[in-house]
Amino acid sequence: MTNDNPFAVNAYLSPQLFCDREEETRTIASALRNGRNVMLHSPRRYGKTGLIHHVFNTLTKVRGARTVFADIYAARDAHEFNTILLNAVHEALNPTPKQFLKNAMAWFGALRPVVTVDELTGKPSIGLERSPGSGPGAGSNKDAATTREIFRILHEQDRTIFLAIDEFQQIAEFGDIRMDAVLRTELQRNSKVRVIFSGSQRHILLDLFNNAKNPFYGSADQVELKRIDRSIYADFARAIFKRHKRTLKEEDALFCYDLCRGHTYYVQVLFNRLFADGRPPVRDTIVDILLRIVREQDAIMATLRSALTRNQWDLFAAISKEGEVDTPTGSAFMKKYDLPSSAALVTALQALIDRELVYISEHSAQSGKPVYAPYNPFMAAWFKYR
């Protein structure tokens, strides 16, 4: 089934339906073409995954190159990391079941994989048996050996491999194995594999790549993904509507952008819903759609309220109503929203950050202080309009 809506929210569709990121695309593609790895970071849902696929679309023009995308967000340990990575390699290098069967023993024999076939599509997928091990470190040694074997497969390809490991900060939670050390060693062995390390936990990624005590220190170009310029986004949306013989005014396109505070995923959702609506894309329609989205948050917010403490909920509500706050423990802010002592707010603020309900959107140009904003602008709108 084809997607009739040009505003993608869950997948990369095409270069023509991808908004801006021209400088970031050039920077990342140039680094990879010239043998340098890249560490890409931004808050979640700013469009990192879409950008990676957009860069990969550019890099497929490199003769003979292959692209591999592995999202390791679900990986809780090195074993799960290896399983995800192995399937990503298999999917990229064996696009048909016939090719998989041809290469299975030659490539994967040493890994003793468990192969299953999807009943509907007929596509094979690969699982790795966990080894019980014997003695301290046995499991981690096997995991490291498995990772090395996967990279052997990549190294033996007679082509350049562009590999993206998304949500790379997960490796910091892998217990007794230093996956960054294992990967660093493998990447030093062969320059044909070039990597984008992508993630949303800025402090973890910066420590992995900027702390001299860590294996990846100084080993990758660093790119921070920020908000797309509001006028560029508005022009992009208006051009798409025009292409479909519909008129979206500049002030209404900017209104959509501002409602979502430029947060890429949510801007796309709002434009997606506006495009899907049969009414003219004017201010009244936009407001009606937003209020409908806000009502859809009711069940989520009810569950969230029961999960948060009173201080956490009140602080989340205050930041959401304000939009952005650079001094959430300041007396003026506390007084305006009847919040408790600053010490209690510090604890509550950290809990909201840990739950990814609030994030540091930028640093104030005047004071240099972090600016805190709600992650989800639709949740923030719930506090204003429900």
Protein backbone atom coordinates (compact mmCIF):
# COMPACT_ATOMS: atom_id res chain seq x y z
CA MET A 1 0.00 0.00 0.00
CA THR A 2 1.35 3.43 -0.89
CA ASN A 3 1.28 6.34 1.52
CA ASP A 4 -0.99 9.04 0.12
CA ASN A 5 -0.01 11.57 2.79
CA PRO A 6 3.24 13.40 1.92
CA PHE A 7 3.95 14.39 5.53
CA ALA A 8 5.72 11.30 6.87
CA VAL A 9 5.63 10.67 10.61
CA ASN A 10 7.05 7.16 10.95
CA ALA A 11 9.20 6.60 7.87
CA TYR A 12 11.48 8.31 5.39
CA LEU A 13 9.62 8.58 2.07
CA SER A 14 11.86 10.37 -0.44
CA PRO A 15 14.27 13.31 -0.86
CA GLN A 16 11.41 15.39 -2.27
CA LEU A 17 9.37 14.94 0.92
CA PHE A 18 12.25 15.60 3.30
CA CYS A 19 12.50 19.08 4.80
CA ASP A 20 15.84 20.92 4.74
CA ARG A 21 18.78 19.48 6.75
CA GLU A 22 20.92 20.34 3.72
CA GLU A 23 23.97 21.43 5.73
CA GLU A 24 23.80 18.41 8.06
CA THR A 25 23.39 16.08 5.08
CA ARG A 26 26.47 17.51 3.36
CA THR A 27 28.51 17.40 6.56
CA ILE A 28 27.69 13.78 7.42
CA ALA A 29 27.92 12.45 3.87
CA SER A 30 31.28 14.17 3.31
CA ALA A 31 32.73 12.77 6.54
CA LEU A 32 31.65 9.21 5.70
CA ARG A 33 32.85 9.41 2.11
CA ASN A 34 36.24 10.53 3.38
CA GLY A 35 36.61 7.74 5.91
CA ARG A 36 35.52 9.57 9.08
CA ASN A 37 32.88 8.35 11.52
CA VAL A 38 30.15 10.67 12.82
CA MET A 39 28.45 11.06 16.19
CA LEU A 40 24.98 12.58 15.66
CA HIS A 41 22.91 13.73 18.60
CA SER A 42 19.70 15.61 19.33
CA PRO A 43 16.64 15.30 21.56
CA ARG A 44 14.32 12.48 20.61
CA ARG A 45 12.01 12.99 17.63
CA TYR A 46 14.02 15.83 16.15
CA GLY A 47 14.45 13.78 12.98
CA LYS A 48 17.74 11.91 13.43
CA THR A 49 16.46 8.67 11.90
CA GLY A 50 14.96 10.46 8.91
CA LEU A 51 18.22 12.35 8.40
CA ILE A 52 20.22 9.13 8.51
CA HIS A 53 18.03 7.57 5.81
CA HIS A 54 18.29 10.80 3.80
CA VAL A 55 22.08 10.67 4.05
CA PHE A 56 22.00 7.00 3.10
CA ASN A 57 19.91 7.87 0.07
CA THR A 58 22.73 10.23 -0.94
CA LEU A 59 25.44 7.67 -0.23
CA THR A 60 23.86 4.95 -2.35
CA LYS A 61 25.29 6.88 -5.29
CA VAL A 62 28.73 5.78 -4.12
CA ARG A 63 29.45 2.91 -6.48
CA GLY A 64 29.10 -0.49 -4.83
CA ALA A 65 28.36 0.88 -1.34
CA ARG A 66 25.80 -0.67 0.98
CA THR A 67 23.98 0.93 3.91
CA VAL A 68 23.10 -0.81 7.17
CA PHE A 69 20.74 0.68 9.76
CA ALA A 70 20.53 -0.82 13.28
CA ASP A 71 18.23 0.71 15.90
CA ILE A 72 19.48 -0.63 19.24
CA TYR A 73 17.00 1.24 21.47
CA ALA A 74 15.49 -2.07 22.60
CA ALA A 75 18.87 -3.67 23.40
CA ARG A 76 19.33 -4.28 27.12
CA ASP A 77 22.65 -6.09 26.83
CA ALA A 78 25.38 -7.08 24.39
CA HIS A 79 23.54 -10.23 23.34
CA GLU A 80 20.49 -8.25 22.21
CA PHE A 81 22.77 -5.69 20.58
CA ASN A 82 24.41 -8.43 18.53
CA THR A 83 21.06 -9.90 17.52
CA ILE A 84 19.78 -6.53 16.27
CA LEU A 85 23.04 -5.75 14.48
CA LEU A 86 23.23 -9.19 12.85
CA ASN A 87 19.67 -8.90 11.50
CA ALA A 88 20.38 -5.40 10.18
CA VAL A 89 23.47 -6.72 8.36
CA HIS A 90 21.51 -9.68 7.00
CA GLU A 91 18.66 -7.45 5.78
CA ALA A 92 21.02 -5.05 4.03
CA LEU A 93 23.31 -7.60 2.41
CA ASN A 94 20.81 -10.38 1.70
CA PRO A 95 17.78 -8.62 0.19
CA THR A 96 16.22 -11.91 -1.02
CA PRO A 97 15.72 -15.30 0.72
CA LYS A 98 17.72 -16.92 -2.07
CA GLN A 99 20.76 -14.78 -1.33
CA PHE A 100 20.40 -15.46 2.37
CA LEU A 101 20.41 -19.23 1.82
CA LYS A 102 23.43 -18.88 -0.44
CA ASN A 103 25.42 -16.96 2.15
CA ALA A 104 24.05 -18.38 5.41
CA MET A 105 26.66 -21.02 6.15
CA ALA A 106 29.60 -19.05 4.80
CA TRP A 107 28.71 -15.95 6.78
CA PHE A 108 26.92 -17.11 9.88
CA GLY A 109 28.15 -20.64 10.51
CA ALA A 110 30.51 -19.67 13.32
CA LEU A 111 27.68 -17.85 15.12
CA ARG A 112 25.39 -20.91 15.21
CA PRO A 113 22.32 -18.80 14.47
CA VAL A 114 18.70 -19.82 14.98
CA VAL A 115 16.94 -19.03 11.70
CA THR A 116 13.19 -18.47 11.56
CA VAL A 117 11.08 -17.69 8.52
CA ASP A 118 8.13 -15.29 8.60
CA GLU A 119 5.02 -17.26 7.60
CA LEU A 120 3.50 -14.31 5.76
CA THR A 121 6.46 -12.79 3.89
CA GLY A 122 8.78 -15.79 3.70
CA LYS A 123 11.67 -13.61 4.87
CA PRO A 124 14.22 -15.22 7.21
CA SER A 125 15.35 -13.62 10.46
CA ILE A 126 18.19 -14.61 12.73
CA GLY A 127 18.35 -15.26 16.45
CA LEU A 128 21.41 -15.99 18.57
CA GLU A 129 21.36 -18.56 21.34
CA ARG A 130 22.49 -17.32 24.71
CA SER A 131 25.41 -19.20 26.16
CA PRO A 132 25.20 -20.03 29.88
CA GLY A 133 28.97 -19.61 30.11
CA SER A 134 31.20 -20.98 32.82
CA GLY A 135 32.98 -18.64 35.16
CA PRO A 136 33.27 -14.86 35.46
CA GLY A 137 33.34 -13.02 32.15
CA ALA A 138 32.41 -16.06 30.05
CA GLY A 139 29.22 -14.46 28.74
CA SER A 140 30.88 -11.14 27.95
CA ASN A 141 33.76 -12.91 26.16
CA LYS A 142 31.26 -14.75 23.97
CA ASP A 143 29.37 -11.53 23.25
CA ALA A 144 32.59 -9.80 22.24
CA ALA A 145 33.49 -12.73 20.00
CA THR A 146 30.04 -12.54 18.39
CA THR A 147 30.47 -8.83 17.69
CA ARG A 148 33.87 -9.51 16.12
CA GLU A 149 32.33 -12.21 13.94
CA ILE A 150 29.62 -9.82 12.71
CA PHE A 151 32.29 -7.28 11.80
CA ARG A 152 34.26 -10.01 10.04
CA ILE A 153 31.25 -10.39 7.74
CA LEU A 154 31.31 -6.65 7.06
CA HIS A 155 35.07 -6.50 6.60
CA GLU A 156 34.99 -9.31 4.01
CA GLN A 157 32.57 -7.43 1.74
CA ASP A 158 34.22 -6.09 -1.40
CA ARG A 159 32.45 -2.76 -0.98
CA THR A 160 32.17 0.20 1.36
CA ILE A 161 29.70 -0.31 4.21
CA PHE A 162 27.95 2.71 5.73
CA LEU A 163 26.61 1.60 9.11
CA ALA A 164 24.27 3.59 11.37
CA ILE A 165 23.83 2.53 14.99
CA ASP A 166 20.83 4.46 16.30
CA GLU A 167 20.30 5.16 20.03
CA PHE A 168 23.96 4.34 20.54
CA GLN A 169 23.91 5.52 24.18
CA GLN A 170 22.32 2.15 25.07
CA ILE A 171 25.77 0.53 25.08
CA ALA A 172 26.57 2.40 28.31
CA GLU A 173 24.12 0.05 30.08
CA PHE A 174 25.62 -3.23 28.90
CA GLY A 175 26.98 -4.34 32.27
CA ASP A 176 30.32 -6.09 32.27
CA ILE A 177 31.26 -5.61 28.59
CA ARG A 178 32.82 -2.45 27.18
CA MET A 179 31.08 -2.54 23.82
CA ASP A 180 32.66 0.79 22.87
CA ALA A 181 36.10 -0.81 23.25
CA VAL A 182 35.09 -3.83 21.15
CA LEU A 183 33.65 -1.64 18.39
CA ARG A 184 36.61 0.74 18.41
CA THR A 185 39.00 -2.18 17.86
CA GLU A 186 36.92 -3.59 15.00
CA LEU A 187 36.61 -0.23 13.24
CA GLN A 188 40.37 0.33 13.40
CA ARG A 189 40.92 -2.94 11.55
CA ASN A 190 39.15 -1.96 8.35
CA SER A 191 38.39 1.45 6.88
CA LYS A 192 35.64 0.07 4.60
CA VAL A 193 33.13 0.24 7.46
CA ARG A 194 32.16 3.82 8.30
CA VAL A 195 29.69 4.56 11.06
CA ILE A 196 27.08 7.05 12.21
CA PHE A 197 26.67 6.78 15.99
CA SER A 198 23.31 8.38 16.66
CA GLY A 199 21.51 9.03 19.92
CA SER A 200 19.32 11.21 22.08
CA GLN A 201 21.06 11.11 25.46
CA ARG A 202 23.42 14.01 24.90
CA HIS A 203 25.38 13.75 28.16
CA ILE A 204 26.12 10.04 27.66
CA LEU A 205 27.19 10.46 24.04
CA LEU A 206 29.41 13.44 24.80
CA ASP A 207 31.10 11.44 27.55
CA LEU A 208 31.63 8.45 25.24
CA PHE A 209 33.28 10.59 22.57
CA ASN A 210 34.84 13.48 24.51
CA ASN A 211 36.16 11.82 27.66
CA ALA A 212 39.83 10.95 27.16
CA LYS A 213 39.38 7.86 29.33
CA ASN A 214 36.93 6.28 26.86
CA PRO A 215 37.89 4.27 23.74
CA PHE A 216 35.95 6.47 21.29
CA TYR A 217 37.62 9.67 22.46
CA GLY A 218 38.22 11.99 19.50
CA SER A 219 37.26 9.27 17.00
CA ALA A 220 34.26 10.86 15.27
CA ASP A 221 33.05 14.14 13.83
CA GLN A 222 30.24 15.49 15.98
CA VAL A 223 26.98 16.87 14.61
CA GLU A 224 24.17 18.30 16.73
CA LEU A 225 20.73 18.33 15.18
CA LYS A 226 18.71 21.42 16.07
CA ARG A 227 15.27 22.71 15.11
CA ILE A 228 14.61 23.38 11.45
CA ASP A 229 14.24 27.11 10.77
CA ARG A 230 10.56 28.05 11.02
CA SER A 231 10.41 29.94 7.70
CA ILE A 232 12.10 27.06 5.86
CA TYR A 233 9.64 24.57 7.38
CA ALA A 234 6.69 26.81 6.49
CA ASP A 235 7.86 27.15 2.88
CA PHE A 236 8.32 23.38 2.66
CA ALA A 237 4.79 22.69 3.91
CA ARG A 238 3.21 25.32 1.68
CA ALA A 239 5.00 23.92 -1.38
CA ILE A 240 3.65 20.43 -0.68
CA PHE A 241 0.10 21.71 -0.25
CA LYS A 242 0.46 23.72 -3.46
CA ARG A 243 1.67 20.63 -5.28
CA HIS A 244 -1.66 19.05 -4.36
CA LYS A 245 -3.59 22.15 -5.51
CA ARG A 246 -4.34 23.35 -1.99
CA THR A 247 -3.44 26.71 -0.47
CA LEU A 248 -1.77 26.96 2.93
CA LYS A 249 -1.05 30.55 3.91
CA GLU A 250 2.37 31.44 5.28
CA GLU A 251 0.98 32.69 8.60
CA ASP A 252 -0.97 29.45 9.06
CA ALA A 253 2.06 27.30 8.28
CA LEU A 254 4.07 29.29 10.82
CA PHE A 255 1.21 28.92 13.30
CA CYS A 256 1.48 25.11 13.00
CA TYR A 257 5.23 25.29 13.53
CA ASP A 258 4.89 27.49 16.62
CA LEU A 259 2.15 25.32 18.15
CA CYS A 260 4.66 22.43 18.10
CA ARG A 261 7.61 24.64 19.06
CA GLY A 262 9.48 23.44 16.00
CA HIS A 263 9.79 19.87 17.34
CA THR A 264 10.11 17.98 14.05
CA TYR A 265 8.00 14.90 14.75
CA TYR A 266 5.08 16.85 16.16
CA VAL A 267 5.20 19.46 13.38
CA GLN A 268 4.98 16.58 10.91
CA VAL A 269 2.04 15.06 12.82
CA LEU A 270 0.12 18.33 12.73
CA PHE A 271 0.78 18.87 9.02
CA ASN A 272 -0.11 15.22 8.39
CA ARG A 273 -3.46 15.62 10.14
CA LEU A 274 -4.10 18.94 8.39
CA PHE A 275 -3.35 17.42 4.98
CA ALA A 276 -5.62 14.44 5.71
CA ASP A 277 -8.50 16.71 6.75
CA GLY A 278 -10.92 17.45 3.95
CA ARG A 279 -11.48 21.05 4.98
CA PRO A 280 -9.46 24.04 3.72
CA PRO A 281 -6.13 24.30 5.63
CA VAL A 282 -7.00 27.55 7.40
CA ARG A 283 -6.64 28.74 11.01
CA ASP A 284 -10.01 27.42 12.22
CA THR A 285 -9.25 23.97 10.82
CA ILE A 286 -5.81 23.93 12.46
CA VAL A 287 -7.24 24.90 15.85
CA ASP A 288 -9.95 22.24 15.59
CA ILE A 289 -7.39 19.56 14.72
CA LEU A 290 -5.13 20.60 17.59
CA LEU A 291 -8.01 20.45 20.08
CA ARG A 292 -8.91 17.01 18.77
CA ILE A 293 -5.32 15.85 19.34
CA VAL A 294 -5.42 17.38 22.82
CA ARG A 295 -8.56 15.41 23.69
CA GLU A 296 -6.78 12.24 22.56
CA GLN A 297 -4.23 12.81 25.35
CA ASP A 298 -6.83 12.35 28.13
CA ALA A 299 -6.13 8.70 28.91
CA ILE A 300 -2.37 9.18 28.68
CA MET A 301 -2.44 12.17 31.02
CA ALA A 302 -4.68 10.36 33.53
CA THR A 303 -2.18 7.50 33.69
CA LEU A 304 0.73 9.92 33.92
CA ARG A 305 -0.84 11.88 36.75
CA SER A 306 -1.14 8.75 38.87
CA ALA A 307 2.52 7.89 38.16
CA LEU A 308 3.98 11.29 39.14
CA THR A 309 4.29 12.84 42.57
CA ARG A 310 2.38 16.04 43.29
CA ASN A 311 5.54 18.16 42.90
CA GLN A 312 6.45 16.47 39.61
CA TRP A 313 2.95 16.91 38.19
CA ASP A 314 2.70 20.56 39.26
CA LEU A 315 6.13 21.38 37.84
CA PHE A 316 5.35 19.58 34.58
CA ALA A 317 2.10 21.54 34.30
CA ALA A 318 3.89 24.84 34.99
CA ILE A 319 6.64 24.26 32.41
CA SER A 320 4.03 23.12 29.88
CA LYS A 321 1.93 26.25 30.38
CA GLU A 322 5.00 28.47 30.17
CA GLY A 323 6.40 26.73 27.07
CA GLU A 324 10.07 27.24 27.90
CA VAL A 325 11.68 28.10 31.23
CA ASP A 326 15.32 28.95 31.97
CA THR A 327 14.89 29.37 35.74
CA PRO A 328 12.39 26.75 36.95
CA THR A 329 13.64 27.21 40.51
CA GLY A 330 13.45 31.01 40.37
CA SER A 331 11.22 32.83 42.85
CA ALA A 332 9.09 34.54 40.17
CA PHE A 333 8.29 31.25 38.43
CA MET A 334 7.62 29.47 41.72
CA LYS A 335 5.30 32.23 42.88
CA LYS A 336 3.41 32.40 39.57
CA TYR A 337 2.55 28.69 39.68
CA ASP A 338 2.42 28.23 43.47
CA LEU A 339 5.30 25.72 43.50
CA PRO A 340 7.15 24.42 46.59
CA SER A 341 10.73 25.17 47.66
CA SER A 342 13.53 25.20 45.10
CA ALA A 343 15.15 22.12 46.70
CA ALA A 344 11.99 20.09 46.09
CA LEU A 345 11.77 21.42 42.53
CA VAL A 346 15.32 20.33 41.72
CA THR A 347 14.39 16.74 42.59
CA ALA A 348 11.12 16.97 40.67
CA LEU A 349 12.84 18.50 37.62
CA GLN A 350 15.40 15.69 37.45
CA ALA A 351 12.59 13.12 37.64
CA LEU A 352 10.81 14.78 34.70
CA ILE A 353 14.06 14.79 32.70
CA ASP A 354 14.66 11.11 33.51
CA ARG A 355 11.14 10.27 32.31
CA GLU A 356 11.76 12.30 29.13
CA LEU A 357 8.79 14.53 29.86
CA VAL A 358 11.00 17.62 29.98
CA TYR A 359 14.29 18.26 28.19
CA ILE A 360 16.90 20.97 27.71
CA SER A 361 15.89 22.48 24.38
CA GLU A 362 18.78 24.97 24.23
CA HIS A 363 20.89 27.31 26.35
CA SER A 364 19.90 30.93 26.84
CA ALA A 365 21.91 33.31 24.65
CA GLN A 366 21.88 35.92 27.42
CA SER A 367 22.57 33.91 30.57
CA GLY A 368 23.90 30.63 29.22
CA LYS A 369 21.40 28.81 31.45
CA PRO A 370 19.68 25.65 30.18
CA VAL A 371 16.19 26.22 28.81
CA TYR A 372 13.69 23.54 29.85
CA ALA A 373 10.72 22.63 27.66
CA PRO A 374 8.11 19.84 27.55
CA TYR A 375 9.09 17.04 25.19
CA ASN A 376 5.60 16.56 23.78
CA PRO A 377 3.87 19.81 22.72
CA PHE A 378 0.52 18.02 22.54
CA MET A 379 0.82 17.11 26.24
CA ALA A 380 1.79 20.71 26.93
CA ALA A 381 -1.29 21.90 25.04
CA TRP A 382 -3.42 19.59 27.20
CA PHE A 383 -2.58 21.68 30.26
CA LYS A 384 -3.63 24.83 28.41
CA TYR A 385 -6.81 23.71 26.65
CA ARG A 386 -8.34 20.90 28.78
